[in-house]
Amino acid sequence: MNKLLVLGIISLTFFNCKSPEARRPITVTSGSFIDVSVERNKKLNEKEESLIESIISKDTTNEYIASENGFWYYYNTKIENDSLTTPDFGDIVNFDYSTKRLDGSLIYSIEENKTHNYAMDQQELFTGLREGLKLMKTGETVTFLFPSQMAFGYYGDNNKIGSNVPLICEVTINSITENQ
């Protein structure tokens, strides 16, 4: 009888148990944070583009080109020699550059930035400068106007360039060594 009683209690317990249910979240979030972030970034981009377009419209001495990558540039020194090529993947580009704010105030001089040797698309370099170098030949000097998302973006460079700072960079390519 004891065995029957124990067996009955076990079977009642087994049949009355339900599978565990996941707890419901206390708060339900929608995509509102992402939506707000997207809207904030759109406004920032519009503001920066407006500033850059204002600079371009006031500068009557240079012919600006809008790149496919979202920045603007003009040639200070253009090389028309067709035998010179732009750098390809893995080529070593030796270049100098200075960095300014859109108001023209200097952030880093050529001396502060020092001469760089950059393996094209194989090393870290901010997006705008990496894409800008691809447009240049040896001996050319180009001035680029980069919106902040093409420069150092939200994080800055952890030194002199703060969050969301659009930049003007004057870049000179000294040499391009082809990857063998």
C-alpha atoms as a PDB file:
ATOM      1  CA  MET A   1       0.000   0.000   0.000  1.00  0.00           C
ATOM      2  CA  ASN A   2       2.859   2.350   0.791  1.00  0.00           C
ATOM      3  CA  LYS A   3       4.306   1.657  -2.625  1.00  0.00           C
ATOM      4  CA  LEU A   4       0.984   2.425  -4.253  1.00  0.00           C
ATOM      5  CA  LEU A   5       0.647   5.671  -2.290  1.00  0.00           C
ATOM      6  CA  VAL A   6       4.172   6.814  -3.211  1.00  0.00           C
ATOM      7  CA  LEU A   7       3.579   5.883  -6.847  1.00  0.00           C
ATOM      8  CA  GLY A   8       0.334   7.871  -6.861  1.00  0.00           C
ATOM      9  CA  ILE A   9       1.971  10.957  -5.383  1.00  0.00           C
ATOM     10  CA  ILE A  10       4.809  10.795  -7.936  1.00  0.00           C
ATOM     11  CA  SER A  11       2.387  10.409 -10.851  1.00  0.00           C
ATOM     12  CA  LEU A  12       0.208  13.313  -9.625  1.00  0.00           C
ATOM     13  CA  THR A  13       3.309  15.493  -9.295  1.00  0.00           C
ATOM     14  CA  PHE A  14       4.507  14.510 -12.753  1.00  0.00           C
ATOM     15  CA  PHE A  15       1.181  15.212 -14.487  1.00  0.00           C
ATOM     16  CA  ASN A  16       0.570  18.528 -12.684  1.00  0.00           C
ATOM     17  CA  CYS A  17       3.982  20.011 -13.627  1.00  0.00           C
ATOM     18  CA  LYS A  18       4.127  22.221 -16.641  1.00  0.00           C
ATOM     19  CA  SER A  19       7.188  22.877 -18.712  1.00  0.00           C
ATOM     20  CA  PRO A  20       9.079  25.949 -17.530  1.00  0.00           C
ATOM     21  CA  GLU A  21       7.989  29.137 -19.230  1.00  0.00           C
ATOM     22  CA  ALA A  22      10.327  31.958 -20.151  1.00  0.00           C
ATOM     23  CA  ARG A  23       9.907  35.056 -18.058  1.00  0.00           C
ATOM     24  CA  ARG A  24       8.396  38.009 -19.819  1.00  0.00           C
ATOM     25  CA  PRO A  25      10.520  41.162 -19.932  1.00  0.00           C
ATOM     26  CA  ILE A  26       9.541  43.871 -17.501  1.00  0.00           C
ATOM     27  CA  THR A  27       9.893  46.569 -20.124  1.00  0.00           C
ATOM     28  CA  VAL A  28       9.446  46.242 -23.817  1.00  0.00           C
ATOM     29  CA  THR A  29      11.774  48.263 -25.993  1.00  0.00           C
ATOM     30  CA  SER A  30      11.160  49.115 -29.565  1.00  0.00           C
ATOM     31  CA  GLY A  31      13.709  50.333 -32.063  1.00  0.00           C
ATOM     32  CA  SER A  32      13.283  53.863 -30.723  1.00  0.00           C
ATOM     33  CA  PHE A  33      16.938  54.217 -29.614  1.00  0.00           C
ATOM     34  CA  ILE A  34      18.165  53.188 -33.043  1.00  0.00           C
ATOM     35  CA  ASP A  35      15.623  55.441 -34.731  1.00  0.00           C
ATOM     36  CA  VAL A  36      16.777  58.409 -32.617  1.00  0.00           C
ATOM     37  CA  SER A  37      20.425  57.615 -33.379  1.00  0.00           C
ATOM     38  CA  VAL A  38      19.764  57.379 -37.115  1.00  0.00           C
ATOM     39  CA  GLU A  39      17.894  60.690 -37.072  1.00  0.00           C
ATOM     40  CA  ARG A  40      20.686  62.380 -35.087  1.00  0.00           C
ATOM     41  CA  ASN A  41      23.314  61.110 -37.579  1.00  0.00           C
ATOM     42  CA  LYS A  42      21.254  62.306 -40.554  1.00  0.00           C
ATOM     43  CA  LYS A  43      21.055  65.797 -39.033  1.00  0.00           C
ATOM     44  CA  LEU A  44      24.791  65.793 -38.291  1.00  0.00           C
ATOM     45  CA  ASN A  45      25.591  64.737 -41.874  1.00  0.00           C
ATOM     46  CA  GLU A  46      23.303  67.437 -43.301  1.00  0.00           C
ATOM     47  CA  LYS A  47      24.914  70.082 -41.077  1.00  0.00           C
ATOM     48  CA  GLU A  48      28.451  69.037 -42.078  1.00  0.00           C
ATOM     49  CA  GLU A  49      27.557  68.877 -45.773  1.00  0.00           C
ATOM     50  CA  SER A  50      26.065  72.349 -45.522  1.00  0.00           C
ATOM     51  CA  LEU A  51      29.268  73.681 -43.919  1.00  0.00           C
ATOM     52  CA  ILE A  52      31.424  72.056 -46.593  1.00  0.00           C
ATOM     53  CA  GLU A  53      29.198  73.327 -49.410  1.00  0.00           C
ATOM     54  CA  SER A  54      29.458  76.814 -47.905  1.00  0.00           C
ATOM     55  CA  ILE A  55      33.268  76.590 -47.972  1.00  0.00           C
ATOM     56  CA  ILE A  56      33.188  75.363 -51.577  1.00  0.00           C
ATOM     57  CA  SER A  57      30.833  78.131 -52.732  1.00  0.00           C
ATOM     58  CA  LYS A  58      33.050  80.829 -51.176  1.00  0.00           C
ATOM     59  CA  ASP A  59      36.251  79.420 -52.727  1.00  0.00           C
ATOM     60  CA  THR A  60      36.325  80.696 -56.296  1.00  0.00           C
ATOM     61  CA  THR A  61      39.985  79.821 -56.923  1.00  0.00           C
ATOM     62  CA  ASN A  62      39.730  76.027 -56.755  1.00  0.00           C
ATOM     63  CA  GLU A  63      37.692  73.509 -58.731  1.00  0.00           C
ATOM     64  CA  TYR A  64      36.192  71.023 -56.278  1.00  0.00           C
ATOM     65  CA  ILE A  65      35.327  67.459 -57.199  1.00  0.00           C
ATOM     66  CA  ALA A  66      32.733  65.416 -55.308  1.00  0.00           C
ATOM     67  CA  SER A  67      34.003  61.887 -54.772  1.00  0.00           C
ATOM     68  CA  GLU A  68      31.842  58.785 -54.947  1.00  0.00           C
ATOM     69  CA  ASN A  69      32.819  58.114 -51.334  1.00  0.00           C
ATOM     70  CA  GLY A  70      31.210  61.192 -49.788  1.00  0.00           C
ATOM     71  CA  PHE A  71      34.012  63.741 -49.591  1.00  0.00           C
ATOM     72  CA  TRP A  72      35.189  66.665 -51.738  1.00  0.00           C
ATOM     73  CA  TYR A  73      38.640  67.543 -53.025  1.00  0.00           C
ATOM     74  CA  TYR A  74      40.672  69.729 -55.341  1.00  0.00           C
ATOM     75  CA  TYR A  75      44.134  69.414 -56.851  1.00  0.00           C
ATOM     76  CA  ASN A  76      46.801  71.814 -55.615  1.00  0.00           C
ATOM     77  CA  THR A  77      49.273  70.081 -57.942  1.00  0.00           C
ATOM     78  CA  LYS A  78      47.955  67.744 -60.647  1.00  0.00           C
ATOM     79  CA  ILE A  79      50.223  65.461 -62.670  1.00  0.00           C
ATOM     80  CA  GLU A  80      48.955  64.881 -66.205  1.00  0.00           C
ATOM     81  CA  ASN A  81      51.526  62.159 -66.960  1.00  0.00           C
ATOM     82  CA  ASP A  82      49.602  59.037 -68.038  1.00  0.00           C
ATOM     83  CA  SER A  83      52.565  56.748 -67.324  1.00  0.00           C
ATOM     84  CA  LEU A  84      52.145  57.421 -63.602  1.00  0.00           C
ATOM     85  CA  THR A  85      49.483  55.331 -61.924  1.00  0.00           C
ATOM     86  CA  THR A  86      47.386  55.553 -58.791  1.00  0.00           C
ATOM     87  CA  PRO A  87      48.171  53.039 -56.027  1.00  0.00           C
ATOM     88  CA  ASP A  88      46.694  49.531 -56.019  1.00  0.00           C
ATOM     89  CA  PHE A  89      46.177  47.021 -53.216  1.00  0.00           C
ATOM     90  CA  GLY A  90      49.451  46.342 -51.384  1.00  0.00           C
ATOM     91  CA  ASP A  91      51.433  49.184 -52.999  1.00  0.00           C
ATOM     92  CA  ILE A  92      53.511  51.206 -50.533  1.00  0.00           C
ATOM     93  CA  VAL A  93      52.502  54.872 -50.591  1.00  0.00           C
ATOM     94  CA  ASN A  94      54.911  57.387 -49.063  1.00  0.00           C
ATOM     95  CA  PHE A  95      53.025  60.596 -48.256  1.00  0.00           C
ATOM     96  CA  ASP A  96      52.880  63.706 -46.101  1.00  0.00           C
ATOM     97  CA  TYR A  97      49.742  65.488 -44.900  1.00  0.00           C
ATOM     98  CA  SER A  98      48.459  68.217 -42.644  1.00  0.00           C
ATOM     99  CA  THR A  99      45.122  68.311 -40.840  1.00  0.00           C
ATOM    100  CA  LYS A 100      42.865  71.336 -40.230  1.00  0.00           C
ATOM    101  CA  ARG A 101      39.374  72.051 -38.992  1.00  0.00           C
ATOM    102  CA  LEU A 102      36.839  73.418 -41.473  1.00  0.00           C
ATOM    103  CA  ASP A 103      37.514  76.922 -40.140  1.00  0.00           C
ATOM    104  CA  GLY A 104      41.124  76.522 -41.305  1.00  0.00           C
ATOM    105  CA  SER A 105      42.709  76.227 -37.852  1.00  0.00           C
ATOM    106  CA  LEU A 106      45.620  73.799 -37.822  1.00  0.00           C
ATOM    107  CA  ILE A 107      45.260  70.554 -35.870  1.00  0.00           C
ATOM    108  CA  TYR A 108      48.360  68.671 -37.041  1.00  0.00           C
ATOM    109  CA  SER A 109      51.104  70.121 -39.219  1.00  0.00           C
ATOM    110  CA  ILE A 110      53.016  68.056 -41.777  1.00  0.00           C
ATOM    111  CA  GLU A 111      55.872  67.870 -39.276  1.00  0.00           C
ATOM    112  CA  GLU A 112      53.578  66.582 -36.503  1.00  0.00           C
ATOM    113  CA  ASN A 113      52.019  63.951 -38.770  1.00  0.00           C
ATOM    114  CA  LYS A 114      55.448  62.907 -40.057  1.00  0.00           C
ATOM    115  CA  THR A 115      55.993  61.135 -43.368  1.00  0.00           C
ATOM    116  CA  HIS A 116      53.904  57.964 -43.643  1.00  0.00           C
ATOM    117  CA  ASN A 117      54.595  54.723 -45.480  1.00  0.00           C
ATOM    118  CA  TYR A 118      51.248  53.048 -45.986  1.00  0.00           C
ATOM    119  CA  ALA A 119      50.597  49.607 -47.502  1.00  0.00           C
ATOM    120  CA  MET A 120      47.455  50.343 -49.504  1.00  0.00           C
ATOM    121  CA  ASP A 121      44.375  48.732 -47.904  1.00  0.00           C
ATOM    122  CA  GLN A 122      46.539  46.572 -45.628  1.00  0.00           C
ATOM    123  CA  GLN A 123      47.041  48.954 -42.695  1.00  0.00           C
ATOM    124  CA  GLU A 124      44.863  51.168 -40.517  1.00  0.00           C
ATOM    125  CA  LEU A 125      44.132  54.618 -41.883  1.00  0.00           C
ATOM    126  CA  PHE A 126      40.974  56.657 -41.541  1.00  0.00           C
ATOM    127  CA  THR A 127      38.467  55.992 -44.315  1.00  0.00           C
ATOM    128  CA  GLY A 128      38.586  59.332 -46.115  1.00  0.00           C
ATOM    129  CA  LEU A 129      42.372  59.449 -46.358  1.00  0.00           C
ATOM    130  CA  ARG A 130      42.560  55.817 -47.474  1.00  0.00           C
ATOM    131  CA  GLU A 131      40.052  56.472 -50.277  1.00  0.00           C
ATOM    132  CA  GLY A 132      41.661  59.808 -51.147  1.00  0.00           C
ATOM    133  CA  LEU A 133      45.098  58.249 -51.657  1.00  0.00           C
ATOM    134  CA  LYS A 134      43.580  55.931 -54.259  1.00  0.00           C
ATOM    135  CA  LEU A 135      42.837  58.988 -56.438  1.00  0.00           C
ATOM    136  CA  MET A 136      46.388  60.363 -56.425  1.00  0.00           C
ATOM    137  CA  LYS A 137      49.618  59.893 -58.379  1.00  0.00           C
ATOM    138  CA  THR A 138      53.224  60.429 -57.300  1.00  0.00           C
ATOM    139  CA  GLY A 139      54.008  64.149 -57.016  1.00  0.00           C
ATOM    140  CA  GLU A 140      50.404  65.286 -56.658  1.00  0.00           C
ATOM    141  CA  THR A 141      49.110  67.427 -53.822  1.00  0.00           C
ATOM    142  CA  VAL A 142      45.397  67.317 -53.107  1.00  0.00           C
ATOM    143  CA  THR A 143      43.249  69.083 -50.519  1.00  0.00           C
ATOM    144  CA  PHE A 144      40.416  66.929 -49.174  1.00  0.00           C
ATOM    145  CA  LEU A 145      37.324  68.032 -47.230  1.00  0.00           C
ATOM    146  CA  PHE A 146      36.124  65.090 -45.145  1.00  0.00           C
ATOM    147  CA  PRO A 147      32.845  64.979 -43.214  1.00  0.00           C
ATOM    148  CA  SER A 148      33.385  63.500 -39.749  1.00  0.00           C
ATOM    149  CA  GLN A 149      32.117  60.026 -40.688  1.00  0.00           C
ATOM    150  CA  MET A 150      34.884  59.835 -43.328  1.00  0.00           C
ATOM    151  CA  ALA A 151      37.452  61.121 -40.806  1.00  0.00           C
ATOM    152  CA  PHE A 152      37.628  59.988 -37.174  1.00  0.00           C
ATOM    153  CA  GLY A 153      33.860  59.890 -36.551  1.00  0.00           C
ATOM    154  CA  TYR A 154      32.306  59.703 -33.137  1.00  0.00           C
ATOM    155  CA  TYR A 155      35.467  58.643 -31.299  1.00  0.00           C
ATOM    156  CA  GLY A 156      37.947  61.202 -32.622  1.00  0.00           C
ATOM    157  CA  ASP A 157      41.639  60.349 -32.531  1.00  0.00           C
ATOM    158  CA  ASN A 158      41.902  60.342 -28.716  1.00  0.00           C
ATOM    159  CA  ASN A 159      44.252  63.318 -28.938  1.00  0.00           C
ATOM    160  CA  LYS A 160      43.557  66.619 -30.722  1.00  0.00           C
ATOM    161  CA  ILE A 161      40.571  65.601 -32.872  1.00  0.00           C
ATOM    162  CA  GLY A 162      37.345  65.373 -30.920  1.00  0.00           C
ATOM    163  CA  SER A 163      34.049  63.682 -31.605  1.00  0.00           C
ATOM    164  CA  ASN A 164      32.377  64.337 -34.982  1.00  0.00           C
ATOM    165  CA  VAL A 165      34.956  66.786 -36.358  1.00  0.00           C
ATOM    166  CA  PRO A 166      35.005  67.262 -40.150  1.00  0.00           C
ATOM    167  CA  LEU A 167      38.519  67.781 -41.510  1.00  0.00           C
ATOM    168  CA  ILE A 168      40.522  69.453 -44.245  1.00  0.00           C
ATOM    169  CA  CYS A 169      43.623  67.439 -45.168  1.00  0.00           C
ATOM    170  CA  GLU A 170      46.302  68.560 -47.604  1.00  0.00           C
ATOM    171  CA  VAL A 171      48.081  65.441 -48.862  1.00  0.00           C
ATOM    172  CA  THR A 172      51.216  65.054 -50.993  1.00  0.00           C
ATOM    173  CA  ILE A 173      52.281  61.676 -52.383  1.00  0.00           C
ATOM    174  CA  ASN A 174      56.070  61.442 -52.488  1.00  0.00           C
ATOM    175  CA  SER A 175      56.287  57.980 -54.022  1.00  0.00           C
ATOM    176  CA  ILE A 176      54.345  54.833 -54.837  1.00  0.00           C
ATOM    177  CA  THR A 177      56.238  51.534 -54.729  1.00  0.00           C
ATOM    178  CA  GLU A 178      54.364  48.828 -56.579  1.00  0.00           C
ATOM    179  CA  ASN A 179      53.736  45.562 -54.756  1.00  0.00           C
ATOM    180  CA  GLN A 180      55.664  42.821 -56.532  1.00  0.00           C
END
